[in-house]
C-alpha atoms as a PDB file:
ATOM      1  CA  UNK A   1      18.793  20.295   7.542  1.00  0.00           C
ATOM      2  CA  UNK A   2      18.234  18.524   4.211  1.00  0.00           C
ATOM      3  CA  UNK A   3      15.807  19.564   1.510  1.00  0.00           C
ATOM      4  CA  UNK A   4      13.687  16.519   2.310  1.00  0.00           C
ATOM      5  CA  UNK A   5      13.532  17.431   6.009  1.00  0.00           C
ATOM      6  CA  UNK A   6      12.215  20.878   5.132  1.00  0.00           C
ATOM      7  CA  UNK A   7       9.330  19.139   3.320  1.00  0.00           C
ATOM      8  CA  UNK A   8       8.083  17.498   6.545  1.00  0.00           C
ATOM      9  CA  UNK A   9       5.454  19.112   8.807  1.00  0.00           C
ATOM     10  CA  UNK A  10       6.654  20.671  12.048  1.00  0.00           C
ATOM     11  CA  UNK A  11       4.342  18.441  14.135  1.00  0.00           C
ATOM     12  CA  UNK A  12       5.301  15.158  12.445  1.00  0.00           C
ATOM     13  CA  UNK A  13       6.680  13.669  15.689  1.00  0.00           C
ATOM     14  CA  UNK A  14       3.329  14.264  17.424  1.00  0.00           C
ATOM     15  CA  UNK A  15       1.068  12.792  14.766  1.00  0.00           C
ATOM     16  CA  UNK A  16       3.191  10.039  13.175  1.00  0.00           C
ATOM     17  CA  UNK A  17       1.330   6.709  13.122  1.00  0.00           C
ATOM     18  CA  UNK A  18      -1.722   8.225  14.840  1.00  0.00           C
ATOM     19  CA  UNK A  19      -2.976  10.590  12.142  1.00  0.00           C
ATOM     20  CA  UNK A  20      -2.478  11.443   8.478  1.00  0.00           C
ATOM     21  CA  UNK A  21       0.869  13.118   7.790  1.00  0.00           C
ATOM     22  CA  UNK A  22       1.010  15.466   4.809  1.00  0.00           C
ATOM     23  CA  UNK A  23       4.431  16.037   3.270  1.00  0.00           C
ATOM     24  CA  UNK A  24       5.937  17.792   0.290  1.00  0.00           C
ATOM     25  CA  UNK A  25       8.456  15.891  -1.792  1.00  0.00           C
ATOM     26  CA  UNK A  26      10.780  16.442  -4.740  1.00  0.00           C
ATOM     27  CA  UNK A  27      10.181  13.208  -6.638  1.00  0.00           C
ATOM     28  CA  UNK A  28       8.045  15.146  -9.117  1.00  0.00           C
ATOM     29  CA  UNK A  29      11.128  17.140 -10.131  1.00  0.00           C
ATOM     30  CA  UNK A  30      13.270  14.068 -10.769  1.00  0.00           C
ATOM     31  CA  UNK A  31      14.001  12.993 -14.358  1.00  0.00           C
ATOM     32  CA  UNK A  32      13.609   9.409 -13.122  1.00  0.00           C
ATOM     33  CA  UNK A  33       9.828   9.848 -13.483  1.00  0.00           C
ATOM     34  CA  UNK A  34       9.820  11.211 -17.039  1.00  0.00           C
ATOM     35  CA  UNK A  35       8.082   9.219 -19.778  1.00  0.00           C
ATOM     36  CA  UNK A  36      11.437   8.161 -21.202  1.00  0.00           C
ATOM     37  CA  UNK A  37      12.840   7.034 -17.843  1.00  0.00           C
ATOM     38  CA  UNK A  38       9.711   5.054 -16.953  1.00  0.00           C
ATOM     39  CA  UNK A  39       9.649   3.399 -20.375  1.00  0.00           C
ATOM     40  CA  UNK A  40      13.308   2.436 -19.963  1.00  0.00           C
ATOM     41  CA  UNK A  41      12.638   1.079 -16.476  1.00  0.00           C
ATOM     42  CA  UNK A  42       9.859  -1.173 -17.787  1.00  0.00           C
ATOM     43  CA  UNK A  43      11.804  -2.177 -20.907  1.00  0.00           C
ATOM     44  CA  UNK A  44      14.733  -3.335 -18.793  1.00  0.00           C
ATOM     45  CA  UNK A  45      12.583  -4.910 -16.070  1.00  0.00           C
ATOM     46  CA  UNK A  46       9.301  -6.141 -17.589  1.00  0.00           C
ATOM     47  CA  UNK A  47       8.951  -8.662 -14.776  1.00  0.00           C
ATOM     48  CA  UNK A  48       8.785  -5.774 -12.286  1.00  0.00           C
ATOM     49  CA  UNK A  49       5.320  -4.942 -13.626  1.00  0.00           C
ATOM     50  CA  UNK A  50       3.250  -6.762 -11.042  1.00  0.00           C
ATOM     51  CA  UNK A  51      -0.166  -5.946 -12.408  1.00  0.00           C
ATOM     52  CA  UNK A  52      -1.890  -4.305 -15.369  1.00  0.00           C
ATOM     53  CA  UNK A  53      -5.493  -4.053 -14.260  1.00  0.00           C
ATOM     54  CA  UNK A  54      -8.655  -2.540 -15.654  1.00  0.00           C
ATOM     55  CA  UNK A  55     -11.735  -1.415 -13.800  1.00  0.00           C
ATOM     56  CA  UNK A  56     -15.060   0.375 -14.184  1.00  0.00           C
ATOM     57  CA  UNK A  57     -14.144   4.011 -13.454  1.00  0.00           C
ATOM     58  CA  UNK A  58     -17.762   4.895 -12.675  1.00  0.00           C
ATOM     59  CA  UNK A  59     -18.473   2.351  -9.926  1.00  0.00           C
ATOM     60  CA  UNK A  60     -17.015   1.586  -6.504  1.00  0.00           C
ATOM     61  CA  UNK A  61     -17.257  -2.170  -6.957  1.00  0.00           C
ATOM     62  CA  UNK A  62     -14.151  -4.292  -6.368  1.00  0.00           C
ATOM     63  CA  UNK A  63     -15.615  -7.064  -8.535  1.00  0.00           C
ATOM     64  CA  UNK A  64     -14.866  -4.828 -11.528  1.00  0.00           C
ATOM     65  CA  UNK A  65     -11.100  -5.022 -10.852  1.00  0.00           C
ATOM     66  CA  UNK A  66      -9.624  -7.557 -13.271  1.00  0.00           C
ATOM     67  CA  UNK A  67      -6.598  -8.358 -15.361  1.00  0.00           C
ATOM     68  CA  UNK A  68      -6.379  -6.317 -18.550  1.00  0.00           C
ATOM     69  CA  UNK A  69      -4.626  -8.983 -20.585  1.00  0.00           C
ATOM     70  CA  UNK A  70      -2.038  -6.411 -21.680  1.00  0.00           C
ATOM     71  CA  UNK A  71       1.710  -7.052 -21.660  1.00  0.00           C
ATOM     72  CA  UNK A  72       4.668  -5.008 -20.428  1.00  0.00           C
ATOM     73  CA  UNK A  73       6.808  -6.190 -23.342  1.00  0.00           C
ATOM     74  CA  UNK A  74       6.174  -2.956 -25.282  1.00  0.00           C
ATOM     75  CA  UNK A  75       6.309  -0.062 -22.775  1.00  0.00           C
ATOM     76  CA  UNK A  76       5.315   2.618 -25.300  1.00  0.00           C
ATOM     77  CA  UNK A  77       2.219   0.697 -26.386  1.00  0.00           C
ATOM     78  CA  UNK A  78       1.369   0.044 -22.742  1.00  0.00           C
ATOM     79  CA  UNK A  79       1.667   3.700 -21.756  1.00  0.00           C
ATOM     80  CA  UNK A  80      -0.391   4.726 -24.809  1.00  0.00           C
ATOM     81  CA  UNK A  81      -3.083   2.323 -23.636  1.00  0.00           C
ATOM     82  CA  UNK A  82      -2.977   3.825 -20.135  1.00  0.00           C
ATOM     83  CA  UNK A  83      -3.436   7.289 -21.625  1.00  0.00           C
ATOM     84  CA  UNK A  84      -6.615   6.208 -23.381  1.00  0.00           C
ATOM     85  CA  UNK A  85      -8.249   3.615 -21.138  1.00  0.00           C
ATOM     86  CA  UNK A  86      -9.276   2.747 -17.580  1.00  0.00           C
ATOM     87  CA  UNK A  87      -6.007   1.039 -16.644  1.00  0.00           C
ATOM     88  CA  UNK A  88      -3.778   0.790 -13.586  1.00  0.00           C
ATOM     89  CA  UNK A  89      -0.131  -0.325 -13.876  1.00  0.00           C
ATOM     90  CA  UNK A  90       1.809  -1.328 -10.767  1.00  0.00           C
ATOM     91  CA  UNK A  91       5.606  -1.488 -11.027  1.00  0.00           C
ATOM     92  CA  UNK A  92       6.986  -3.077  -7.871  1.00  0.00           C
ATOM     93  CA  UNK A  93      10.306  -3.199  -5.976  1.00  0.00           C
ATOM     94  CA  UNK A  94      11.697  -0.421  -8.156  1.00  0.00           C
ATOM     95  CA  UNK A  95      14.615   0.341  -5.861  1.00  0.00           C
ATOM     96  CA  UNK A  96      15.889  -3.205  -6.211  1.00  0.00           C
ATOM     97  CA  UNK A  97      15.958  -2.740  -9.998  1.00  0.00           C
ATOM     98  CA  UNK A  98      17.581   0.691 -10.074  1.00  0.00           C
ATOM     99  CA  UNK A  99      19.556   2.052  -7.131  1.00  0.00           C
ATOM    100  CA  UNK A 100      18.739   5.650  -8.075  1.00  0.00           C
ATOM    101  CA  UNK A 101      15.111   5.148  -7.103  1.00  0.00           C
ATOM    102  CA  UNK A 102      16.100   3.516  -3.822  1.00  0.00           C
ATOM    103  CA  UNK A 103      18.349   6.482  -3.039  1.00  0.00           C
ATOM    104  CA  UNK A 104      15.383   8.858  -3.414  1.00  0.00           C
ATOM    105  CA  UNK A 105      13.301   6.715  -1.072  1.00  0.00           C
ATOM    106  CA  UNK A 106      16.078   6.319   1.495  1.00  0.00           C
ATOM    107  CA  UNK A 107      16.728  10.071   1.580  1.00  0.00           C
ATOM    108  CA  UNK A 108      13.078  10.710   2.423  1.00  0.00           C
ATOM    109  CA  UNK A 109      12.717   7.918   4.980  1.00  0.00           C
ATOM    110  CA  UNK A 110      16.002   8.811   6.658  1.00  0.00           C
ATOM    111  CA  UNK A 111      14.598  12.320   7.107  1.00  0.00           C
ATOM    112  CA  UNK A 112      11.405  10.920   8.625  1.00  0.00           C
ATOM    113  CA  UNK A 113      13.427   8.789  11.029  1.00  0.00           C
ATOM    114  CA  UNK A 114      15.448  11.841  12.041  1.00  0.00           C
ATOM    115  CA  UNK A 115      12.297  13.874  12.654  1.00  0.00           C
ATOM    116  CA  UNK A 116      10.335  11.213  14.598  1.00  0.00           C
ATOM    117  CA  UNK A 117      12.106  10.040  17.770  1.00  0.00           C
ATOM    118  CA  UNK A 118      11.944   6.271  18.181  1.00  0.00           C
ATOM    119  CA  UNK A 119      10.786   5.614  14.619  1.00  0.00           C
ATOM    120  CA  UNK A 120      12.945   3.186  12.672  1.00  0.00           C
ATOM    121  CA  UNK A 121      11.878   1.317   9.549  1.00  0.00           C
ATOM    122  CA  UNK A 122      13.317  -1.440   7.409  1.00  0.00           C
ATOM    123  CA  UNK A 123      12.522  -3.308   4.195  1.00  0.00           C
ATOM    124  CA  UNK A 124      11.771  -0.002   2.497  1.00  0.00           C
ATOM    125  CA  UNK A 125      10.270  -0.528  -0.940  1.00  0.00           C
ATOM    126  CA  UNK A 126       9.278   1.878  -3.675  1.00  0.00           C
ATOM    127  CA  UNK A 127       6.591   1.157  -6.243  1.00  0.00           C
ATOM    128  CA  UNK A 128       5.416   3.237  -9.176  1.00  0.00           C
ATOM    129  CA  UNK A 129       1.774   3.487 -10.219  1.00  0.00           C
ATOM    130  CA  UNK A 130       0.841   4.685 -13.702  1.00  0.00           C
ATOM    131  CA  UNK A 131      -2.902   5.030 -14.159  1.00  0.00           C
ATOM    132  CA  UNK A 132      -5.438   6.361 -16.595  1.00  0.00           C
ATOM    133  CA  UNK A 133      -7.524   9.525 -16.409  1.00  0.00           C
ATOM    134  CA  UNK A 134     -10.522   8.932 -14.122  1.00  0.00           C
ATOM    135  CA  UNK A 135      -9.275   5.471 -13.084  1.00  0.00           C
ATOM    136  CA  UNK A 136      -9.890   4.355  -9.533  1.00  0.00           C
ATOM    137  CA  UNK A 137      -8.499   2.022  -6.905  1.00  0.00           C
ATOM    138  CA  UNK A 138     -11.232   0.366  -4.885  1.00  0.00           C
ATOM    139  CA  UNK A 139     -11.595   0.339  -1.111  1.00  0.00           C
ATOM    140  CA  UNK A 140      -8.818  -1.733   0.437  1.00  0.00           C
ATOM    141  CA  UNK A 141      -6.248  -1.929   3.233  1.00  0.00           C
ATOM    142  CA  UNK A 142      -2.526  -2.700   3.074  1.00  0.00           C
ATOM    143  CA  UNK A 143      -0.389  -4.753   5.433  1.00  0.00           C
ATOM    144  CA  UNK A 144       2.916  -2.775   5.629  1.00  0.00           C
ATOM    145  CA  UNK A 145       3.369   0.841   6.629  1.00  0.00           C
ATOM    146  CA  UNK A 146       2.298   3.026   3.720  1.00  0.00           C
ATOM    147  CA  UNK A 147       2.994   6.309   1.996  1.00  0.00           C
ATOM    148  CA  UNK A 148       1.852   7.794  -1.307  1.00  0.00           C
ATOM    149  CA  UNK A 149       3.838  10.440  -3.191  1.00  0.00           C
ATOM    150  CA  UNK A 150       2.011  12.070  -6.082  1.00  0.00           C
ATOM    151  CA  UNK A 151       4.104  12.953  -9.123  1.00  0.00           C
ATOM    152  CA  UNK A 152       1.864  13.707 -12.116  1.00  0.00           C
ATOM    153  CA  UNK A 153      -1.813  14.496 -12.651  1.00  0.00           C
ATOM    154  CA  UNK A 154      -4.521  14.941 -10.034  1.00  0.00           C
ATOM    155  CA  UNK A 155      -5.793  12.347  -7.599  1.00  0.00           C
ATOM    156  CA  UNK A 156      -8.335  12.254  -4.772  1.00  0.00           C
ATOM    157  CA  UNK A 157      -7.912   9.845  -1.874  1.00  0.00           C
ATOM    158  CA  UNK A 158     -10.369   8.869   0.854  1.00  0.00           C
ATOM    159  CA  UNK A 159      -8.748   7.620   4.082  1.00  0.00           C
ATOM    160  CA  UNK A 160     -10.747   5.807   6.777  1.00  0.00           C
ATOM    161  CA  UNK A 161      -9.962   4.917  10.406  1.00  0.00           C
ATOM    162  CA  UNK A 162      -8.339   1.521  10.842  1.00  0.00           C
ATOM    163  CA  UNK A 163     -11.012   0.216  13.201  1.00  0.00           C
ATOM    164  CA  UNK A 164     -14.513  -1.210  13.029  1.00  0.00           C
ATOM    165  CA  UNK A 165     -16.744  -0.848  11.105  1.00  0.00           C
ATOM    166  CA  UNK A 166     -14.272   0.384   8.480  1.00  0.00           C
ATOM    167  CA  UNK A 167     -11.928  -2.570   8.965  1.00  0.00           C
ATOM    168  CA  UNK A 168     -13.092  -5.646  10.846  1.00  0.00           C
ATOM    169  CA  UNK A 169     -10.510  -7.863  12.612  1.00  0.00           C
ATOM    170  CA  UNK A 170     -11.487 -10.869  10.523  1.00  0.00           C
ATOM    171  CA  UNK A 171     -10.989  -8.855   7.309  1.00  0.00           C
ATOM    172  CA  UNK A 172      -7.494  -7.779   8.320  1.00  0.00           C
ATOM    173  CA  UNK A 173      -6.680 -11.353   9.322  1.00  0.00           C
ATOM    174  CA  UNK A 174      -7.728 -12.650   5.925  1.00  0.00           C
ATOM    175  CA  UNK A 175      -5.648 -10.015   4.175  1.00  0.00           C
ATOM    176  CA  UNK A 176      -2.618 -11.084   6.212  1.00  0.00           C
ATOM    177  CA  UNK A 177      -3.138 -14.785   5.663  1.00  0.00           C
ATOM    178  CA  UNK A 178      -3.402 -13.915   1.930  1.00  0.00           C
ATOM    179  CA  UNK A 179      -6.771 -15.586   1.681  1.00  0.00           C
ATOM    180  CA  UNK A 180      -8.523 -12.459   0.398  1.00  0.00           C
ATOM    181  CA  UNK A 181      -5.887 -10.208  -1.133  1.00  0.00           C
ATOM    182  CA  UNK A 182      -6.524  -6.681   0.065  1.00  0.00           C
ATOM    183  CA  UNK A 183     -10.300  -6.733  -0.388  1.00  0.00           C
ATOM    184  CA  UNK A 184     -12.564  -5.526   2.402  1.00  0.00           C
ATOM    185  CA  UNK A 185     -16.237  -4.614   2.499  1.00  0.00           C
ATOM    186  CA  UNK A 186     -17.121  -1.042   1.523  1.00  0.00           C
ATOM    187  CA  UNK A 187     -20.234   0.849   2.589  1.00  0.00           C
ATOM    188  CA  UNK A 188     -20.866   4.337   1.115  1.00  0.00           C
ATOM    189  CA  UNK A 189     -21.927   5.397   4.623  1.00  0.00           C
ATOM    190  CA  UNK A 190     -18.257   5.059   5.622  1.00  0.00           C
ATOM    191  CA  UNK A 191     -17.530   8.225   3.667  1.00  0.00           C
ATOM    192  CA  UNK A 192     -18.985  10.351   6.472  1.00  0.00           C
ATOM    193  CA  UNK A 193     -15.926   9.427   8.560  1.00  0.00           C
ATOM    194  CA  UNK A 194     -13.387   9.658   5.723  1.00  0.00           C
ATOM    195  CA  UNK A 195     -10.670  12.258   5.351  1.00  0.00           C
ATOM    196  CA  UNK A 196     -10.722  13.362   1.715  1.00  0.00           C
ATOM    197  CA  UNK A 197      -7.537  14.831   0.251  1.00  0.00           C
ATOM    198  CA  UNK A 198      -6.847  16.125  -3.254  1.00  0.00           C
ATOM    199  CA  UNK A 199      -3.292  15.457  -4.407  1.00  0.00           C
ATOM    200  CA  UNK A 200      -1.297  17.388  -6.972  1.00  0.00           C
ATOM    201  CA  UNK A 201       2.354  16.902  -8.011  1.00  0.00           C
ATOM    202  CA  UNK A 202       4.682  17.273  -5.035  1.00  0.00           C
ATOM    203  CA  UNK A 203       2.043  16.264  -2.469  1.00  0.00           C
ATOM    204  CA  UNK A 204       2.605  13.199  -0.309  1.00  0.00           C
ATOM    205  CA  UNK A 205       0.881  11.359   2.505  1.00  0.00           C
ATOM    206  CA  UNK A 206       1.657   8.816   5.186  1.00  0.00           C
ATOM    207  CA  UNK A 207      -1.114   7.261   7.255  1.00  0.00           C
ATOM    208  CA  UNK A 208      -1.398   4.925  10.247  1.00  0.00           C
ATOM    209  CA  UNK A 209      -0.948   1.191   9.839  1.00  0.00           C
ATOM    210  CA  UNK A 210      -3.715  -0.665   7.955  1.00  0.00           C
ATOM    211  CA  UNK A 211      -5.998   2.343   7.445  1.00  0.00           C
ATOM    212  CA  UNK A 212      -8.424   1.568   4.580  1.00  0.00           C
ATOM    213  CA  UNK A 213      -8.467   3.895   1.597  1.00  0.00           C
ATOM    214  CA  UNK A 214      -9.711   4.318  -1.955  1.00  0.00           C
ATOM    215  CA  UNK A 215      -8.575   6.561  -4.799  1.00  0.00           C
ATOM    216  CA  UNK A 216     -10.107   8.262  -7.833  1.00  0.00           C
ATOM    217  CA  UNK A 217      -7.987   9.997 -10.486  1.00  0.00           C
ATOM    218  CA  UNK A 218      -8.774  13.346 -12.011  1.00  0.00           C
ATOM    219  CA  UNK A 219      -9.161  13.732 -15.765  1.00  0.00           C
ATOM    220  CA  UNK A 220      -5.463  13.261 -16.454  1.00  0.00           C
ATOM    221  CA  UNK A 221      -2.878  10.507 -16.606  1.00  0.00           C
ATOM    222  CA  UNK A 222      -1.464   9.905 -13.121  1.00  0.00           C
ATOM    223  CA  UNK A 223       1.968   8.857 -11.903  1.00  0.00           C
ATOM    224  CA  UNK A 224       2.520   8.191  -8.203  1.00  0.00           C
ATOM    225  CA  UNK A 225       5.122   6.483  -6.056  1.00  0.00           C
ATOM    226  CA  UNK A 226       4.063   4.122  -3.305  1.00  0.00           C
ATOM    227  CA  UNK A 227       6.141   3.557  -0.196  1.00  0.00           C
ATOM    228  CA  UNK A 228       6.048   0.361   1.838  1.00  0.00           C
ATOM    229  CA  UNK A 229       8.057  -0.207   4.983  1.00  0.00           C
ATOM    230  CA  UNK A 230       8.075  -2.302   8.135  1.00  0.00           C
ATOM    231  CA  UNK A 231       8.849  -1.538  11.751  1.00  0.00           C
ATOM    232  CA  UNK A 232       9.251  -3.825  14.727  1.00  0.00           C
ATOM    233  CA  UNK A 233       5.737  -2.797  15.786  1.00  0.00           C
ATOM    234  CA  UNK A 234       4.185  -3.479  12.393  1.00  0.00           C
ATOM    235  CA  UNK A 235       5.799  -6.926  12.352  1.00  0.00           C
ATOM    236  CA  UNK A 236       4.248  -7.651  15.736  1.00  0.00           C
ATOM    237  CA  UNK A 237       0.831  -6.630  14.436  1.00  0.00           C
ATOM    238  CA  UNK A 238       1.398  -8.899  11.444  1.00  0.00           C
ATOM    239  CA  UNK A 239       2.290 -11.867  13.656  1.00  0.00           C
ATOM    240  CA  UNK A 240      -0.670 -11.544  15.999  1.00  0.00           C
ATOM    241  CA  UNK A 241      -3.152 -11.066  13.161  1.00  0.00           C
ATOM    242  CA  UNK A 242      -1.694 -14.019  11.273  1.00  0.00           C
ATOM    243  CA  UNK A 243      -2.064 -16.270  14.318  1.00  0.00           C
ATOM    244  CA  UNK A 244      -5.555 -14.932  15.026  1.00  0.00           C
ATOM    245  CA  UNK A 245      -6.463 -15.604  11.408  1.00  0.00           C
ATOM    246  CA  UNK A 246      -5.434 -19.233  11.755  1.00  0.00           C
ATOM    247  CA  UNK A 247      -7.469 -19.530  14.946  1.00  0.00           C
ATOM    248  CA  UNK A 248     -10.564 -18.063  13.320  1.00  0.00           C
ATOM    249  CA  UNK A 249     -10.373 -19.508   9.812  1.00  0.00           C
ATOM    250  CA  UNK A 250      -8.965 -22.956  10.509  1.00  0.00           C
ATOM    251  CA  UNK A 251     -10.158 -23.828  14.014  1.00  0.00           C
ATOM    252  CA  UNK A 252     -13.343 -21.749  14.241  1.00  0.00           C
ATOM    253  CA  UNK A 253     -12.156 -19.897  17.349  1.00  0.00           C
ATOM    254  CA  UNK A 254     -12.784 -16.207  18.033  1.00  0.00           C
ATOM    255  CA  UNK A 255      -9.510 -14.593  19.152  1.00  0.00           C
ATOM    256  CA  UNK A 256      -9.861 -12.659  22.392  1.00  0.00           C
ATOM    257  CA  UNK A 257      -6.787 -10.477  22.106  1.00  0.00           C
ATOM    258  CA  UNK A 258      -4.842  -8.485  19.540  1.00  0.00           C
ATOM    259  CA  UNK A 259      -2.190  -7.423  22.036  1.00  0.00           C
ATOM    260  CA  UNK A 260       1.354  -7.082  20.692  1.00  0.00           C
ATOM    261  CA  UNK A 261       3.149  -7.828  23.962  1.00  0.00           C
ATOM    262  CA  UNK A 262       2.854 -10.243  26.874  1.00  0.00           C
ATOM    263  CA  UNK A 263       2.938 -14.053  27.055  1.00  0.00           C
ATOM    264  CA  UNK A 264      -0.081 -14.566  24.769  1.00  0.00           C
ATOM    265  CA  UNK A 265       1.505 -12.444  22.069  1.00  0.00           C
ATOM    266  CA  UNK A 266       4.801 -14.316  22.184  1.00  0.00           C
ATOM    267  CA  UNK A 267       2.959 -17.624  21.871  1.00  0.00           C
ATOM    268  CA  UNK A 268       1.115 -16.332  18.834  1.00  0.00           C
ATOM    269  CA  UNK A 269       4.312 -14.919  17.357  1.00  0.00           C
ATOM    270  CA  UNK A 270       5.974 -18.321  17.660  1.00  0.00           C
ATOM    271  CA  UNK A 271       2.987 -20.023  16.007  1.00  0.00           C
ATOM    272  CA  UNK A 272       2.929 -17.447  13.195  1.00  0.00           C
ATOM    273  CA  UNK A 273       6.654 -17.831  12.544  1.00  0.00           C
ATOM    274  CA  UNK A 274       6.559 -21.622  12.530  1.00  0.00           C
ATOM    275  CA  UNK A 275       3.457 -21.851  10.333  1.00  0.00           C
ATOM    276  CA  UNK A 276       4.740 -19.347   7.785  1.00  0.00           C
ATOM    277  CA  UNK A 277       8.283 -20.733   7.724  1.00  0.00           C
ATOM    278  CA  UNK A 278       7.098 -24.300   7.198  1.00  0.00           C
ATOM    279  CA  UNK A 279       4.254 -23.467   4.823  1.00  0.00           C
ATOM    280  CA  UNK A 280       1.823 -25.194   7.192  1.00  0.00           C
ATOM    281  CA  UNK A 281      -0.253 -22.039   7.595  1.00  0.00           C
ATOM    282  CA  UNK A 282      -0.900 -21.753   3.866  1.00  0.00           C
ATOM    283  CA  UNK A 283      -1.859 -25.416   3.654  1.00  0.00           C
ATOM    284  CA  UNK A 284      -4.250 -25.098   6.589  1.00  0.00           C
ATOM    285  CA  UNK A 285      -5.898 -21.992   5.122  1.00  0.00           C
ATOM    286  CA  UNK A 286      -6.325 -23.607   1.696  1.00  0.00           C
ATOM    287  CA  UNK A 287      -7.789 -26.748   3.250  1.00  0.00           C
ATOM    288  CA  UNK A 288     -10.186 -24.689   5.355  1.00  0.00           C
ATOM    289  CA  UNK A 289     -11.345 -22.638   2.367  1.00  0.00           C
ATOM    290  CA  UNK A 290     -11.887 -25.796   0.328  1.00  0.00           C
ATOM    291  CA  UNK A 291     -14.401 -27.210   2.838  1.00  0.00           C
END
């Protein structure tokens, strides 16, 4: 049994992809997440910094999320700014830039696969989030399978069921067709159904596909690693929601099924593949939104 396997809960096979899975990890002990290593990573790969955003740390209002105007060209200056301001830095596809990070991710996900019969994932990607004291990430949902490994600081996360009213089908469709980013409507009343978890270094979470969530940092600089992955099932969900999104947004039809098997699904999967491969889907969505 590996060290990573010992960090997984005993009941992981029973609750995987149906409930929140709490894990312990050793990323926080790795020198790859020191200030010097992160600065070197950004210095060598400034284009890996996908976003440097700022927000109002006192309000849950996604309209406050905006580009900071800062550059990744000077990592030390950037990290100093994160220390002192309401900023959120997203470094993406880290494993593709440095194989050492990918090895950490693969060790963990291989252990999950070994512990959960029938679970197999691909396109595993590691991101690194560096964020300011008291910064927040607004209510949103992600398309791939997700995990969050906390490395430095304190962070509180609210996780919500991936069903109505917390996530409406049309909202998920628009996320998948890229028409609305990851934004979905938030109602403070949703918090009654949320699972609230405080994260400290060494804590990690996985949650079921597409579950909405929001995050607020404690009064300390935060470093976390994000995990994205796909499975054959998640790709089927993607295909059916993409096709349903075209039906709803372009042709004004209300989809009657979100099934991921059967003849209707395979028809939708073929439509989704053809429209995405050809670029027709994007053109149809843009034309519909322009009306």
